[in-house]
Amino acid sequence: MNIVVLDGYTLNPGDLSWEPLQSLGHCEIYDRTPVEKVVERAAHAEIVLTNKTLLTRTEIAQLPKLQYIGVLATGYNVVDIQAARERQIPVTNVPAYGTQSVAQMVFALLNELTRHVGLHAEGIRAGRWSNQADFCYWDKPMIALESLTMGIVGLGAIGQTVAKIAQAFGMPVLAYQRNPKPVAGVKWVELDNLFRQSDVISLHCPLTPETQHIINAQRLALMKPSAFLINTSRGPLVDEQALAHALLSGQIAGAGLDVLTVEPPKLDNPLFKLENSFITPHIAWATQTARQTLLGVAVTNLQAFLEGNPQNVVNSKAKALDSIVC
C-alpha cells in the first residue's frame, strides 16, 4: 500500500529511523504539508499518517483511496473522527508514549516557578553572585513543594504519574475526572473545589467542546492568589486573555505553559511579556526516548491494521476524559 506521512519532521528530525515504517509499503515522507497540499500529496495513498496537519471532512471526502489514518500523537482532534467513521476508516492514535516525559516537564515548569532556577542562573552570568557580600543570595522568595497541594484535572496515565511524583515531593494531591476511580493517595473533589483548594493546578485532559477554556476568568477567580497553573496538555484548554489578566493583576502567582492556543504563536501573545509566565515550545513530549516509542507504536498500529486486527482505534467508540500528550 501507499503510505504518506504528512508532517514527519517534529517526530523525526533525523535522529530516528523510518525504516520500520518503510518496510510496510511504499512511503512518501514530508517534513511538513501546508493545507492546500494535503489532498494533492495524499491523493494516491491508502494510508495517511499525520501529527498536526488537519484532516477535515473536506480533505477526507477528496481522498477516495484512503483506508487508514494514523495520528502520530495521543490527541486526535486534528482528524474529523465522524467523517472517518462514516467512511469506515479507522483512526488510530499512540496513547501513553510520553507519560514520563510529560510528567517530568510539569515539575520542570513548577520548579522554575517556585525555585527560579533560570532567573538565578542568568543573574550569575551577569555577575550578581560574584559581587555579593554573602555566600548566597536570592532575588525572589523560594517555595518548597511539600508546602503545596497539587490539583490535577484528568487523572489518566499522565495525571497519575504526576500524582505519584507530587506525592514523592510530599505534596497532597487532589483530582477531578469525569469518571473517577480510586487511586492511592488521591482525594477526588468537584472541579470548582479543586480550583479553590489547590496551590498548583496541572491540566491533563483532552481538548473537547466541554474542556475548551476550562481555564477561564470564572475559574481563575476561584484560585488562590499564591497558586500556580501548569498546562502541558492542549493550549485551548486555557483562555489566554483571561490568564494574562489574572497574572498581570496578581489574581494568581504564576503559570507554566508548554502549549498555546495558536502554535507557533504570534509575537503579540499577551503572556510573553509577563515575568510570572514561563512558556516552553510544546516540547514536553519530545524527548528522544518518547519519540522513539511513539514511532514504534505508530508502526505497530499500522501493522496490526494490515493484518486485520487494528489496535488503538479512537473512532470506534467515544473515549472518556483521560490523559493526553501532544
Foldseek 3Di string as FASTA:
>chain_A
DEEEEAACCLLCVPPDDCVLVCVVDPYDYDNHHDLVCLCVRQQPPQEYEYAQAAAELVSVVSRVNHAEYEYLFFADPSYPLVSCVVVVRFYFYQPPLQLVLLLVVQVVLVQCLQVVVVVVVVCVVVPNCVPDPDNDDDDDHHDQLLVWAEEEEFCFSNNVVNVVVSVVSNHQYEYEFPDDDDDPRYHYDDPLVSQQRGQEYEYFWHDDPVQFQVPALVSLLNHQLAHEYEYQFEARSHPQVSVLVCCVVSSHPAYEYAYHNDVVDDPVRSLVPGPRYHYHPSCSQRDNSSSVSSSVVSSVQVVCVVVVHHPRGPSPDDDGTHGTHD
